[in-house]
Full PDB file with SEQRES, HELIX, SHEET, SSBOND, CRYST1, ORIGX, SCALE, CONECT and MASTER records, all heavy atoms in Angstrom:
SEQRES   1 A   43  SER VAL GLN VAL TRP GLU GLN GLU LYS MET SER THR LYS          
SEQRES   2 A   43  ALA ARG VAL ARG THR ASP GLY LYS ILE SER ILE PRO PHE          
SEQRES   3 A   43  LEU TYR ASP VAL VAL VAL VAL ASN LYS THR PRO GLY ASP          
SEQRES   4 A   43  VAL ALA ARG GLU                                              
HELIX    1 AA1 GLU A    8  MET A   10  5                                   3    
HELIX    2 AA2 PRO A   37  ARG A   42  1                                   6    
SHEET    1 AA1 2 LYS A  21  ILE A  24  0                                        
SHEET    2 AA1 2 TYR A  28  VAL A  31 -1                                        
CRYST1    1.000    1.000    1.000  90.00  90.00  90.00 P 1           1          
ORIGX1      1.000000  0.000000  0.000000        0.00000                         
ORIGX2      0.000000  1.000000  0.000000        0.00000                         
ORIGX3      0.000000  0.000000  1.000000        0.00000                         
SCALE1      1.000000  0.000000  0.000000        0.00000                         
SCALE2      0.000000  1.000000  0.000000        0.00000                         
SCALE3      0.000000  0.000000  1.000000        0.00000                         
ATOM      1  N   SER A   1     -11.803  21.266 -71.314  1.00  0.00           N  
ATOM      2  CA  SER A   1     -11.078  20.388 -72.239  1.00  0.00           C  
ATOM      3  C   SER A   1     -11.744  20.539 -73.645  1.00  0.00           C  
ATOM      4  O   SER A   1     -12.932  20.238 -73.711  1.00  0.00           O  
ATOM      5  CB  SER A   1     -11.109  19.023 -71.772  1.00  0.00           C  
ATOM      6  OG  SER A   1     -10.402  18.140 -72.784  1.00  0.00           O  
ATOM      7  N   VAL A   2     -10.913  21.124 -74.564  1.00  0.00           N  
ATOM      8  CA  VAL A   2     -11.431  21.298 -75.936  1.00  0.00           C  
ATOM      9  C   VAL A   2     -10.698  20.281 -76.807  1.00  0.00           C  
ATOM     10  O   VAL A   2      -9.498  20.286 -77.008  1.00  0.00           O  
ATOM     11  CB  VAL A   2     -11.177  22.741 -76.477  1.00  0.00           C  
ATOM     12  CG1 VAL A   2     -11.672  22.925 -77.802  1.00  0.00           C  
ATOM     13  CG2 VAL A   2     -11.795  23.715 -75.535  1.00  0.00           C  
ATOM     14  N   GLN A   3     -11.525  19.315 -77.385  1.00  0.00           N  
ATOM     15  CA  GLN A   3     -10.933  18.200 -78.228  1.00  0.00           C  
ATOM     16  C   GLN A   3     -11.407  18.431 -79.691  1.00  0.00           C  
ATOM     17  O   GLN A   3     -12.649  18.427 -79.952  1.00  0.00           O  
ATOM     18  CB  GLN A   3     -11.372  16.946 -77.683  1.00  0.00           C  
ATOM     19  CG  GLN A   3     -10.913  16.694 -76.184  1.00  0.00           C  
ATOM     20  CD  GLN A   3     -11.610  15.479 -75.581  1.00  0.00           C  
ATOM     21  OE1 GLN A   3     -12.620  15.092 -75.920  1.00  0.00           O  
ATOM     22  NE2 GLN A   3     -10.844  14.845 -74.676  1.00  0.00           N  
ATOM     23  N   VAL A   4     -10.484  18.652 -80.570  1.00  0.00           N  
ATOM     24  CA  VAL A   4     -10.821  18.744 -81.984  1.00  0.00           C  
ATOM     25  C   VAL A   4     -10.411  17.362 -82.555  1.00  0.00           C  
ATOM     26  O   VAL A   4      -9.323  16.937 -82.535  1.00  0.00           O  
ATOM     27  CB  VAL A   4     -10.027  19.851 -82.667  1.00  0.00           C  
ATOM     28  CG1 VAL A   4     -10.465  20.016 -84.131  1.00  0.00           C  
ATOM     29  CG2 VAL A   4     -10.261  21.152 -81.912  1.00  0.00           C  
ATOM     30  N   TRP A   5     -11.422  16.806 -83.175  1.00  0.00           N  
ATOM     31  CA  TRP A   5     -11.364  15.418 -83.768  1.00  0.00           C  
ATOM     32  C   TRP A   5     -10.179  15.337 -84.774  1.00  0.00           C  
ATOM     33  O   TRP A   5     -10.120  15.999 -85.699  1.00  0.00           O  
ATOM     34  CB  TRP A   5     -12.594  14.942 -84.336  1.00  0.00           C  
ATOM     35  CG  TRP A   5     -12.584  13.480 -84.819  1.00  0.00           C  
ATOM     36  CD1 TRP A   5     -12.463  12.404 -83.978  1.00  0.00           C  
ATOM     37  CD2 TRP A   5     -12.816  12.982 -86.050  1.00  0.00           C  
ATOM     38  NE1 TRP A   5     -12.461  11.252 -84.656  1.00  0.00           N  
ATOM     39  CE2 TRP A   5     -12.759  11.536 -85.922  1.00  0.00           C  
ATOM     40  CE3 TRP A   5     -13.077  13.590 -87.298  1.00  0.00           C  
ATOM     41  CZ2 TRP A   5     -12.919  10.805 -87.070  1.00  0.00           C  
ATOM     42  CZ3 TRP A   5     -13.221  12.789 -88.430  1.00  0.00           C  
ATOM     43  CH2 TRP A   5     -13.134  11.339 -88.332  1.00  0.00           C  
ATOM     44  N   GLU A   6      -9.191  14.373 -84.457  1.00  0.00           N  
ATOM     45  CA  GLU A   6      -8.105  14.128 -85.351  1.00  0.00           C  
ATOM     46  C   GLU A   6      -7.195  15.344 -85.505  1.00  0.00           C  
ATOM     47  O   GLU A   6      -6.465  15.391 -86.501  1.00  0.00           O  
ATOM     48  CB  GLU A   6      -8.535  13.557 -86.675  1.00  0.00           C  
ATOM     49  CG  GLU A   6      -9.136  12.219 -86.649  1.00  0.00           C  
ATOM     50  CD  GLU A   6      -9.472  11.650 -88.004  1.00  0.00           C  
ATOM     51  OE1 GLU A   6      -9.541  12.394 -89.007  1.00  0.00           O  
ATOM     52  OE2 GLU A   6      -9.552  10.440 -88.108  1.00  0.00           O  
ATOM     53  N   GLN A   7      -7.234  16.260 -84.626  1.00  0.00           N  
ATOM     54  CA  GLN A   7      -6.426  17.498 -84.613  1.00  0.00           C  
ATOM     55  C   GLN A   7      -5.778  17.721 -83.300  1.00  0.00           C  
ATOM     56  O   GLN A   7      -6.280  18.587 -82.549  1.00  0.00           O  
ATOM     57  CB  GLN A   7      -7.142  18.651 -85.078  1.00  0.00           C  
ATOM     58  CG  GLN A   7      -7.631  18.515 -86.593  1.00  0.00           C  
ATOM     59  CD  GLN A   7      -6.498  18.528 -87.568  1.00  0.00           C  
ATOM     60  OE1 GLN A   7      -5.404  19.037 -87.329  1.00  0.00           O  
ATOM     61  NE2 GLN A   7      -6.740  17.858 -88.716  1.00  0.00           N  
ATOM     62  N   GLU A   8      -4.756  16.982 -82.867  1.00  0.00           N  
ATOM     63  CA  GLU A   8      -4.193  17.005 -81.520  1.00  0.00           C  
ATOM     64  C   GLU A   8      -3.659  18.412 -81.277  1.00  0.00           C  
ATOM     65  O   GLU A   8      -3.757  18.970 -80.193  1.00  0.00           O  
ATOM     66  CB  GLU A   8      -3.166  15.956 -81.360  1.00  0.00           C  
ATOM     67  CG  GLU A   8      -2.598  15.973 -79.907  1.00  0.00           C  
ATOM     68  CD  GLU A   8      -1.607  14.819 -79.753  1.00  0.00           C  
ATOM     69  OE1 GLU A   8      -1.561  13.916 -80.578  1.00  0.00           O  
ATOM     70  OE2 GLU A   8      -0.804  14.930 -78.647  1.00  0.00           O  
ATOM     71  N   LYS A   9      -3.087  19.089 -82.235  1.00  0.00           N  
ATOM     72  CA  LYS A   9      -2.457  20.356 -82.085  1.00  0.00           C  
ATOM     73  C   LYS A   9      -3.522  21.454 -81.867  1.00  0.00           C  
ATOM     74  O   LYS A   9      -3.175  22.521 -81.330  1.00  0.00           O  
ATOM     75  CB  LYS A   9      -1.543  20.685 -83.244  1.00  0.00           C  
ATOM     76  CG  LYS A   9      -0.305  19.838 -83.404  1.00  0.00           C  
ATOM     77  CD  LYS A   9       0.544  20.297 -84.615  1.00  0.00           C  
ATOM     78  CE  LYS A   9       1.858  19.371 -84.625  1.00  0.00           C  
ATOM     79  NZ  LYS A   9       2.643  19.816 -85.719  1.00  0.00           N  
ATOM     80  N   MET A  10      -4.664  21.193 -82.253  1.00  0.00           N  
ATOM     81  CA  MET A  10      -5.718  22.222 -82.064  1.00  0.00           C  
ATOM     82  C   MET A  10      -6.473  21.917 -80.809  1.00  0.00           C  
ATOM     83  O   MET A  10      -7.307  22.834 -80.373  1.00  0.00           O  
ATOM     84  CB  MET A  10      -6.707  22.174 -83.280  1.00  0.00           C  
ATOM     85  CG  MET A  10      -6.235  22.725 -84.512  1.00  0.00           C  
ATOM     86  SD  MET A  10      -7.434  22.747 -85.860  1.00  0.00           S  
ATOM     87  CE  MET A  10      -6.635  23.523 -87.224  1.00  0.00           C  
ATOM     88  N   SER A  11      -6.248  20.839 -80.119  1.00  0.00           N  
ATOM     89  CA  SER A  11      -6.965  20.542 -78.898  1.00  0.00           C  
ATOM     90  C   SER A  11      -6.151  21.191 -77.746  1.00  0.00           C  
ATOM     91  O   SER A  11      -4.903  21.332 -77.839  1.00  0.00           O  
ATOM     92  CB  SER A  11      -7.044  19.018 -78.722  1.00  0.00           C  
ATOM     93  OG  SER A  11      -7.836  18.422 -79.818  1.00  0.00           O  
ATOM     94  N   THR A  12      -6.888  21.441 -76.659  1.00  0.00           N  
ATOM     95  CA  THR A  12      -6.296  22.100 -75.505  1.00  0.00           C  
ATOM     96  C   THR A  12      -7.061  21.996 -74.337  1.00  0.00           C  
ATOM     97  O   THR A  12      -8.228  21.549 -74.304  1.00  0.00           O  
ATOM     98  CB  THR A  12      -5.974  23.552 -75.815  1.00  0.00           C  
ATOM     99  OG1 THR A  12      -5.204  24.146 -74.863  1.00  0.00           O  
ATOM    100  CG2 THR A  12      -7.379  24.328 -75.915  1.00  0.00           C  
ATOM    101  N   LYS A  13      -6.401  22.256 -73.133  1.00  0.00           N  
ATOM    102  CA  LYS A  13      -7.168  22.469 -71.902  1.00  0.00           C  
ATOM    103  C   LYS A  13      -6.814  23.726 -71.369  1.00  0.00           C  
ATOM    104  O   LYS A  13      -5.716  24.240 -71.482  1.00  0.00           O  
ATOM    105  CB  LYS A  13      -6.606  21.374 -70.844  1.00  0.00           C  
ATOM    106  CG  LYS A  13      -7.176  20.016 -71.057  1.00  0.00           C  
ATOM    107  CD  LYS A  13      -6.777  19.082 -69.846  1.00  0.00           C  
ATOM    108  CE  LYS A  13      -7.454  17.751 -70.056  1.00  0.00           C  
ATOM    109  NZ  LYS A  13      -7.196  16.878 -68.805  1.00  0.00           N  
ATOM    110  N   ALA A  14      -7.860  24.486 -70.911  1.00  0.00           N  
ATOM    111  CA  ALA A  14      -7.671  25.902 -70.468  1.00  0.00           C  
ATOM    112  C   ALA A  14      -8.695  26.284 -69.402  1.00  0.00           C  
ATOM    113  O   ALA A  14      -9.789  25.783 -69.444  1.00  0.00           O  
ATOM    114  CB  ALA A  14      -7.711  26.845 -71.685  1.00  0.00           C  
ATOM    115  N   ARG A  15      -8.191  27.011 -68.421  1.00  0.00           N  
ATOM    116  CA  ARG A  15      -9.071  27.510 -67.441  1.00  0.00           C  
ATOM    117  C   ARG A  15      -9.733  28.881 -67.821  1.00  0.00           C  
ATOM    118  O   ARG A  15      -8.965  29.731 -68.380  1.00  0.00           O  
ATOM    119  CB  ARG A  15      -8.350  27.708 -66.094  1.00  0.00           C  
ATOM    120  CG  ARG A  15      -9.270  27.834 -64.894  1.00  0.00           C  
ATOM    121  CD  ARG A  15      -8.564  27.685 -63.515  1.00  0.00           C  
ATOM    122  NE  ARG A  15      -7.924  26.380 -63.393  1.00  0.00           N  
ATOM    123  CZ  ARG A  15      -8.545  25.382 -62.934  1.00  0.00           C  
ATOM    124  NH1 ARG A  15      -9.931  25.439 -62.606  1.00  0.00           N  
ATOM    125  NH2 ARG A  15      -7.906  24.253 -62.650  1.00  0.00           N  
ATOM    126  N   VAL A  16     -10.964  29.098 -67.623  1.00  0.00           N  
ATOM    127  CA  VAL A  16     -11.601  30.340 -68.022  1.00  0.00           C  
ATOM    128  C   VAL A  16     -11.055  31.501 -67.251  1.00  0.00           C  
ATOM    129  O   VAL A  16     -11.109  31.491 -65.963  1.00  0.00           O  
ATOM    130  CB  VAL A  16     -13.178  30.196 -67.903  1.00  0.00           C  
ATOM    131  CG1 VAL A  16     -13.793  31.467 -68.368  1.00  0.00           C  
ATOM    132  CG2 VAL A  16     -13.716  28.996 -68.635  1.00  0.00           C  
ATOM    133  N   ARG A  17     -10.559  32.472 -67.869  1.00  0.00           N  
ATOM    134  CA  ARG A  17      -9.949  33.664 -67.266  1.00  0.00           C  
ATOM    135  C   ARG A  17     -11.070  34.625 -66.775  1.00  0.00           C  
ATOM    136  O   ARG A  17     -12.211  34.409 -67.055  1.00  0.00           O  
ATOM    137  CB  ARG A  17      -9.026  34.393 -68.223  1.00  0.00           C  
ATOM    138  CG  ARG A  17      -7.943  33.408 -68.789  1.00  0.00           C  
ATOM    139  CD  ARG A  17      -6.877  34.318 -69.526  1.00  0.00           C  
ATOM    140  NE  ARG A  17      -7.477  35.185 -70.499  1.00  0.00           N  
ATOM    141  CZ  ARG A  17      -7.488  34.978 -71.812  1.00  0.00           C  
ATOM    142  NH1 ARG A  17      -6.892  33.849 -72.313  1.00  0.00           N  
ATOM    143  NH2 ARG A  17      -7.927  35.861 -72.677  1.00  0.00           N  
ATOM    144  N   THR A  18     -10.644  35.618 -66.004  1.00  0.00           N  
ATOM    145  CA  THR A  18     -11.547  36.647 -65.450  1.00  0.00           C  
ATOM    146  C   THR A  18     -12.160  37.407 -66.538  1.00  0.00           C  
ATOM    147  O   THR A  18     -13.233  37.990 -66.289  1.00  0.00           O  
ATOM    148  CB  THR A  18     -10.761  37.536 -64.476  1.00  0.00           C  
ATOM    149  OG1 THR A  18      -9.702  38.093 -65.080  1.00  0.00           O  
ATOM    150  CG2 THR A  18     -10.368  36.782 -63.193  1.00  0.00           C  
ATOM    151  N   ASP A  19     -11.638  37.464 -67.730  1.00  0.00           N  
ATOM    152  CA  ASP A  19     -12.273  38.163 -68.811  1.00  0.00           C  
ATOM    153  C   ASP A  19     -13.220  37.253 -69.585  1.00  0.00           C  
ATOM    154  O   ASP A  19     -13.783  37.697 -70.569  1.00  0.00           O  
ATOM    155  CB  ASP A  19     -11.235  38.734 -69.761  1.00  0.00           C  
ATOM    156  CG  ASP A  19     -10.367  37.662 -70.423  1.00  0.00           C  
ATOM    157  OD1 ASP A  19     -10.555  36.483 -70.134  1.00  0.00           O  
ATOM    158  OD2 ASP A  19      -9.448  38.025 -71.292  1.00  0.00           O  
ATOM    159  N   GLY A  20     -13.476  36.092 -69.127  1.00  0.00           N  
ATOM    160  CA  GLY A  20     -14.462  35.175 -69.704  1.00  0.00           C  
ATOM    161  C   GLY A  20     -13.970  34.431 -70.928  1.00  0.00           C  
ATOM    162  O   GLY A  20     -14.786  33.849 -71.607  1.00  0.00           O  
ATOM    163  N   LYS A  21     -12.674  34.388 -71.163  1.00  0.00           N  
ATOM    164  CA  LYS A  21     -12.113  33.861 -72.434  1.00  0.00           C  
ATOM    165  C   LYS A  21     -11.108  32.674 -72.050  1.00  0.00           C  
ATOM    166  O   LYS A  21     -10.641  32.580 -70.972  1.00  0.00           O  
ATOM    167  CB  LYS A  21     -11.317  34.876 -73.235  1.00  0.00           C  
ATOM    168  CG  LYS A  21     -12.311  36.055 -73.658  1.00  0.00           C  
ATOM    169  CD  LYS A  21     -11.443  37.072 -74.396  1.00  0.00           C  
ATOM    170  CE  LYS A  21     -12.352  38.318 -74.803  1.00  0.00           C  
ATOM    171  NZ  LYS A  21     -11.467  39.309 -75.518  1.00  0.00           N  
ATOM    172  N   ILE A  22     -10.901  31.824 -73.088  1.00  0.00           N  
ATOM    173  CA  ILE A  22      -9.789  30.869 -72.998  1.00  0.00           C  
ATOM    174  C   ILE A  22      -9.035  31.049 -74.353  1.00  0.00           C  
ATOM    175  O   ILE A  22      -9.509  31.569 -75.329  1.00  0.00           O  
ATOM    176  CB  ILE A  22     -10.238  29.453 -72.845  1.00  0.00           C  
ATOM    177  CG1 ILE A  22     -11.165  29.012 -74.047  1.00  0.00           C  
ATOM    178  CG2 ILE A  22     -11.008  29.270 -71.528  1.00  0.00           C  
ATOM    179  CD1 ILE A  22     -11.553  27.530 -74.076  1.00  0.00           C  
ATOM    180  N   SER A  23      -7.769  30.542 -74.324  1.00  0.00           N  
ATOM    181  CA  SER A  23      -7.001  30.584 -75.557  1.00  0.00           C  
ATOM    182  C   SER A  23      -7.028  29.287 -76.338  1.00  0.00           C  
ATOM    183  O   SER A  23      -6.826  28.172 -75.695  1.00  0.00           O  
ATOM    184  CB  SER A  23      -5.535  30.968 -75.252  1.00  0.00           C  
ATOM    185  OG  SER A  23      -5.464  32.263 -74.607  1.00  0.00           O  
ATOM    186  N   ILE A  24      -7.325  29.338 -77.546  1.00  0.00           N  
ATOM    187  CA  ILE A  24      -7.458  28.134 -78.474  1.00  0.00           C  
ATOM    188  C   ILE A  24      -6.402  28.240 -79.560  1.00  0.00           C  
ATOM    189  O   ILE A  24      -6.184  29.349 -80.153  1.00  0.00           O  
ATOM    190  CB  ILE A  24      -8.814  28.086 -79.124  1.00  0.00           C  
ATOM    191  CG1 ILE A  24      -9.913  28.092 -78.008  1.00  0.00           C  
ATOM    192  CG2 ILE A  24      -8.980  26.893 -79.980  1.00  0.00           C  
ATOM    193  CD1 ILE A  24     -10.065  26.839 -77.232  1.00  0.00           C  
ATOM    194  N   PRO A  25      -5.629  27.189 -79.863  1.00  0.00           N  
ATOM    195  CA  PRO A  25      -4.648  27.192 -80.891  1.00  0.00           C  
ATOM    196  C   PRO A  25      -5.345  27.676 -82.254  1.00  0.00           C  
ATOM    197  O   PRO A  25      -6.454  27.192 -82.577  1.00  0.00           O  
ATOM    198  CB  PRO A  25      -4.173  25.796 -81.035  1.00  0.00           C  
ATOM    199  CG  PRO A  25      -4.354  25.260 -79.577  1.00  0.00           C  
ATOM    200  CD  PRO A  25      -5.591  25.900 -79.109  1.00  0.00           C  
ATOM    201  N   PHE A  26      -4.709  28.470 -82.972  1.00  0.00           N  
ATOM    202  CA  PHE A  26      -5.203  29.078 -84.244  1.00  0.00           C  
ATOM    203  C   PHE A  26      -6.215  30.125 -84.161  1.00  0.00           C  
ATOM    204  O   PHE A  26      -6.390  31.059 -84.910  1.00  0.00           O  
ATOM    205  CB  PHE A  26      -5.732  28.004 -85.242  1.00  0.00           C  
ATOM    206  CG  PHE A  26      -4.706  26.975 -85.573  1.00  0.00           C  
ATOM    207  CD1 PHE A  26      -4.517  25.816 -84.966  1.00  0.00           C  
ATOM    208  CD2 PHE A  26      -3.850  27.249 -86.758  1.00  0.00           C  
ATOM    209  CE1 PHE A  26      -3.526  24.882 -85.323  1.00  0.00           C  
ATOM    210  CE2 PHE A  26      -2.908  26.295 -87.059  1.00  0.00           C  
ATOM    211  CZ  PHE A  26      -2.771  25.113 -86.413  1.00  0.00           C  
ATOM    212  N   LEU A  27      -7.100  30.040 -83.021  1.00  0.00           N  
ATOM    213  CA  LEU A  27      -8.127  30.964 -82.865  1.00  0.00           C  
ATOM    214  C   LEU A  27      -7.846  32.039 -81.788  1.00  0.00           C  
ATOM    215  O   LEU A  27      -8.551  33.045 -81.656  1.00  0.00           O  
ATOM    216  CB  LEU A  27      -9.432  30.303 -82.472  1.00  0.00           C  
ATOM    217  CG  LEU A  27      -9.926  29.230 -83.449  1.00  0.00           C  
ATOM    218  CD1 LEU A  27     -11.210  28.549 -82.854  1.00  0.00           C  
ATOM    219  CD2 LEU A  27     -10.234  29.922 -84.847  1.00  0.00           C  
ATOM    220  N   TYR A  28      -6.799  31.749 -81.028  1.00  0.00           N  
ATOM    221  CA  TYR A  28      -6.414  32.744 -79.942  1.00  0.00           C  
ATOM    222  C   TYR A  28      -7.498  32.820 -78.860  1.00  0.00           C  
ATOM    223  O   TYR A  28      -8.003  31.822 -78.429  1.00  0.00           O  
ATOM    224  CB  TYR A  28      -6.019  34.105 -80.482  1.00  0.00           C  
ATOM    225  CG  TYR A  28      -4.945  33.998 -81.580  1.00  0.00           C  
ATOM    226  CD1 TYR A  28      -5.195  34.046 -82.834  1.00  0.00           C  
ATOM    227  CD2 TYR A  28      -3.579  33.797 -81.078  1.00  0.00           C  
ATOM    228  CE1 TYR A  28      -4.160  33.928 -83.818  1.00  0.00           C  
ATOM    229  CE2 TYR A  28      -2.613  33.672 -82.094  1.00  0.00           C  
ATOM    230  CZ  TYR A  28      -2.879  33.726 -83.413  1.00  0.00           C  
ATOM    231  OH  TYR A  28      -1.884  33.620 -84.358  1.00  0.00           O  
ATOM    232  N   ASP A  29      -7.872  34.071 -78.426  1.00  0.00           N  
ATOM    233  CA  ASP A  29      -8.876  34.209 -77.409  1.00  0.00           C  
ATOM    234  C   ASP A  29     -10.274  34.044 -77.819  1.00  0.00           C  
ATOM    235  O   ASP A  29     -10.726  34.628 -78.792  1.00  0.00           O  
ATOM    236  CB  ASP A  29      -8.684  35.608 -76.714  1.00  0.00           C  
ATOM    237  CG  ASP A  29      -7.372  35.692 -75.888  1.00  0.00           C  
ATOM    238  OD1 ASP A  29      -6.779  34.627 -75.660  1.00  0.00           O  
ATOM    239  OD2 ASP A  29      -7.065  36.801 -75.594  1.00  0.00           O  
ATOM    240  N   VAL A  30     -11.042  33.182 -77.146  1.00  0.00           N  
ATOM    241  CA  VAL A  30     -12.415  32.816 -77.408  1.00  0.00           C  
ATOM    242  C   VAL A  30     -13.261  33.120 -76.193  1.00  0.00           C  
ATOM    243  O   VAL A  30     -12.936  32.614 -75.116  1.00  0.00           O  
ATOM    244  CB  VAL A  30     -12.521  31.459 -77.937  1.00  0.00           C  
ATOM    245  CG1 VAL A  30     -14.034  31.121 -78.180  1.00  0.00           C  
ATOM    246  CG2 VAL A  30     -11.733  31.190 -79.188  1.00  0.00           C  
ATOM    247  N   VAL A  31     -14.403  33.783 -76.379  1.00  0.00           N  
ATOM    248  CA  VAL A  31     -15.301  33.985 -75.248  1.00  0.00           C  
ATOM    249  C   VAL A  31     -16.107  32.719 -74.986  1.00  0.00           C  
ATOM    250  O   VAL A  31     -16.706  32.250 -75.887  1.00  0.00           O  
ATOM    251  CB  VAL A  31     -16.213  35.182 -75.473  1.00  0.00           C  
ATOM    252  CG1 VAL A  31     -17.288  35.313 -74.379  1.00  0.00           C  
ATOM    253  CG2 VAL A  31     -15.493  36.440 -75.705  1.00  0.00           C  
ATOM    254  N   VAL A  32     -16.067  32.277 -73.790  1.00  0.00           N  
ATOM    255  CA  VAL A  32     -16.839  31.029 -73.368  1.00  0.00           C  
ATOM    256  C   VAL A  32     -17.815  31.206 -72.169  1.00  0.00           C  
ATOM    257  O   VAL A  32     -18.615  30.352 -71.962  1.00  0.00           O  
ATOM    258  CB  VAL A  32     -15.848  29.829 -73.167  1.00  0.00           C  
ATOM    259  CG1 VAL A  32     -15.002  29.512 -74.341  1.00  0.00           C  
ATOM    260  CG2 VAL A  32     -14.873  30.140 -71.936  1.00  0.00           C  
ATOM    261  N   VAL A  33     -17.652  32.223 -71.432  1.00  0.00           N  
ATOM    262  CA  VAL A  33     -18.347  32.378 -70.184  1.00  0.00           C  
ATOM    263  C   VAL A  33     -19.840  32.621 -70.496  1.00  0.00           C  
ATOM    264  O   VAL A  33     -20.225  33.244 -71.569  1.00  0.00           O  
ATOM    265  CB  VAL A  33     -17.829  33.632 -69.386  1.00  0.00           C  
ATOM    266  CG1 VAL A  33     -18.151  34.981 -70.006  1.00  0.00           C  
ATOM    267  CG2 VAL A  33     -18.283  33.528 -67.977  1.00  0.00           C  
ATOM    268  N   ASN A  34     -20.749  32.144 -69.637  1.00  0.00           N  
ATOM    269  CA  ASN A  34     -22.130  32.214 -69.848  1.00  0.00           C  
ATOM    270  C   ASN A  34     -22.714  31.411 -70.984  1.00  0.00           C  
ATOM    271  O   ASN A  34     -23.829  31.740 -71.537  1.00  0.00           O  
ATOM    272  CB  ASN A  34     -22.629  33.712 -69.912  1.00  0.00           C  
ATOM    273  CG  ASN A  34     -22.404  34.399 -68.616  1.00  0.00           C  
ATOM    274  OD1 ASN A  34     -22.440  33.905 -67.546  1.00  0.00           O  
ATOM    275  ND2 ASN A  34     -22.137  35.686 -68.730  1.00  0.00           N  
ATOM    276  N   LYS A  35     -21.967  30.463 -71.478  1.00  0.00           N  
ATOM    277  CA  LYS A  35     -22.312  29.586 -72.544  1.00  0.00           C  
ATOM    278  C   LYS A  35     -22.295  28.151 -72.044  1.00  0.00           C  
ATOM    279  O   LYS A  35     -21.607  27.781 -71.114  1.00  0.00           O  
ATOM    280  CB  LYS A  35     -21.532  29.713 -73.748  1.00  0.00           C  
ATOM    281  CG  LYS A  35     -21.517  31.115 -74.385  1.00  0.00           C  
ATOM    282  CD  LYS A  35     -20.522  31.268 -75.549  1.00  0.00           C  
ATOM    283  CE  LYS A  35     -20.445  32.698 -76.069  1.00  0.00           C  
ATOM    284  NZ  LYS A  35     -19.497  32.787 -77.137  1.00  0.00           N  
ATOM    285  N   THR A  36     -23.029  27.189 -72.649  1.00  0.00           N  
ATOM    286  CA  THR A  36     -22.997  25.804 -72.348  1.00  0.00           C  
ATOM    287  C   THR A  36     -21.822  25.230 -73.150  1.00  0.00           C  
ATOM    288  O   THR A  36     -21.367  25.833 -74.167  1.00  0.00           O  
ATOM    289  CB  THR A  36     -24.208  25.082 -72.731  1.00  0.00           C  
ATOM    290  OG1 THR A  36     -24.352  25.016 -74.173  1.00  0.00           O  
ATOM    291  CG2 THR A  36     -25.474  25.791 -72.141  1.00  0.00           C  
ATOM    292  N   PRO A  37     -21.240  24.069 -72.680  1.00  0.00           N  
ATOM    293  CA  PRO A  37     -20.115  23.436 -73.458  1.00  0.00           C  
ATOM    294  C   PRO A  37     -20.664  23.111 -74.879  1.00  0.00           C  
ATOM    295  O   PRO A  37     -19.766  23.299 -75.800  1.00  0.00           O  
ATOM    296  CB  PRO A  37     -19.950  22.106 -72.598  1.00  0.00           C  
ATOM    297  CG  PRO A  37     -20.308  22.444 -71.211  1.00  0.00           C  
ATOM    298  CD  PRO A  37     -21.475  23.376 -71.378  1.00  0.00           C  
ATOM    299  N   GLY A  38     -21.854  22.727 -75.090  1.00  0.00           N  
ATOM    300  CA  GLY A  38     -22.428  22.465 -76.423  1.00  0.00           C  
ATOM    301  C   GLY A  38     -22.382  23.688 -77.356  1.00  0.00           C  
ATOM    302  O   GLY A  38     -22.111  23.641 -78.495  1.00  0.00           O  
ATOM    303  N   ASP A  39     -22.725  24.796 -76.736  1.00  0.00           N  
ATOM    304  CA  ASP A  39     -22.791  26.084 -77.490  1.00  0.00           C  
ATOM    305  C   ASP A  39     -21.296  26.441 -77.963  1.00  0.00           C  
ATOM    306  O   ASP A  39     -21.152  26.847 -79.080  1.00  0.00           O  
ATOM    307  CB  ASP A  39     -23.199  27.287 -76.642  1.00  0.00           C  
ATOM    308  CG  ASP A  39     -24.730  27.162 -76.306  1.00  0.00           C  
ATOM    309  OD1 ASP A  39     -25.470  26.475 -77.130  1.00  0.00           O  
ATOM    310  OD2 ASP A  39     -25.229  27.646 -75.372  1.00  0.00           O  
ATOM    311  N   VAL A  40     -20.391  26.279 -77.015  1.00  0.00           N  
ATOM    312  CA  VAL A  40     -18.939  26.601 -77.297  1.00  0.00           C  
ATOM    313  C   VAL A  40     -18.439  25.638 -78.375  1.00  0.00           C  
ATOM    314  O   VAL A  40     -17.766  26.117 -79.335  1.00  0.00           O  
ATOM    315  CB  VAL A  40     -18.064  26.579 -76.071  1.00  0.00           C  
ATOM    316  CG1 VAL A  40     -16.586  26.693 -76.484  1.00  0.00           C  
ATOM    317  CG2 VAL A  40     -18.506  27.537 -75.001  1.00  0.00           C  
ATOM    318  N   ALA A  41     -18.791  24.419 -78.287  1.00  0.00           N  
ATOM    319  CA  ALA A  41     -18.265  23.461 -79.353  1.00  0.00           C  
ATOM    320  C   ALA A  41     -18.848  23.764 -80.705  1.00  0.00           C  
ATOM    321  O   ALA A  41     -18.114  23.746 -81.685  1.00  0.00           O  
ATOM    322  CB  ALA A  41     -18.829  22.003 -78.961  1.00  0.00           C  
ATOM    323  N   ARG A  42     -20.089  24.115 -80.879  1.00  0.00           N  
ATOM    324  CA  ARG A  42     -20.670  24.557 -82.151  1.00  0.00           C  
ATOM    325  C   ARG A  42     -19.971  25.822 -82.662  1.00  0.00           C  
ATOM    326  O   ARG A  42     -19.744  25.929 -83.947  1.00  0.00           O  
ATOM    327  CB  ARG A  42     -22.189  24.670 -81.963  1.00  0.00           C  
ATOM    328  CG  ARG A  42     -22.904  23.332 -81.840  1.00  0.00           C  
ATOM    329  CD  ARG A  42     -24.377  23.482 -81.928  1.00  0.00           C  
ATOM    330  NE  ARG A  42     -24.948  24.224 -80.637  1.00  0.00           N  
ATOM    331  CZ  ARG A  42     -25.323  23.567 -79.565  1.00  0.00           C  
ATOM    332  NH1 ARG A  42     -25.216  22.253 -79.538  1.00  0.00           N  
ATOM    333  NH2 ARG A  42     -25.692  24.167 -78.521  1.00  0.00           N  
ATOM    334  N   GLU A  43     -19.715  26.746 -81.748  1.00  0.00           N  
ATOM    335  CA  GLU A  43     -19.126  28.021 -82.224  1.00  0.00           C  
ATOM    336  C   GLU A  43     -17.695  27.819 -82.676  1.00  0.00           C  
ATOM    337  O   GLU A  43     -17.270  28.420 -83.744  1.00  0.00           O  
ATOM    338  CB  GLU A  43     -19.160  29.059 -81.041  1.00  0.00           C  
ATOM    339  CG  GLU A  43     -20.556  29.549 -80.742  1.00  0.00           C  
ATOM    340  CD  GLU A  43     -20.507  30.519 -79.581  1.00  0.00           C  
ATOM    341  OE1 GLU A  43     -19.427  30.847 -79.106  1.00  0.00           O  
ATOM    342  OE2 GLU A  43     -21.587  30.966 -79.176  1.00  0.00           O  
TER     343      GLU A  43                                                      
MASTER        0    0    0    2    2    0    0    6  342    1    0    4          
END                                                                             
């Protein structure tokens, strides 16, 4: 669950695909595998 503060359209829920990525509004595919949730949030 990716929550962008005060930006509902940018927030999303996504399951990590076999390529290690999820799709984020405006950013498209983002690599998240082998990272902590905090690392992904900062990136």
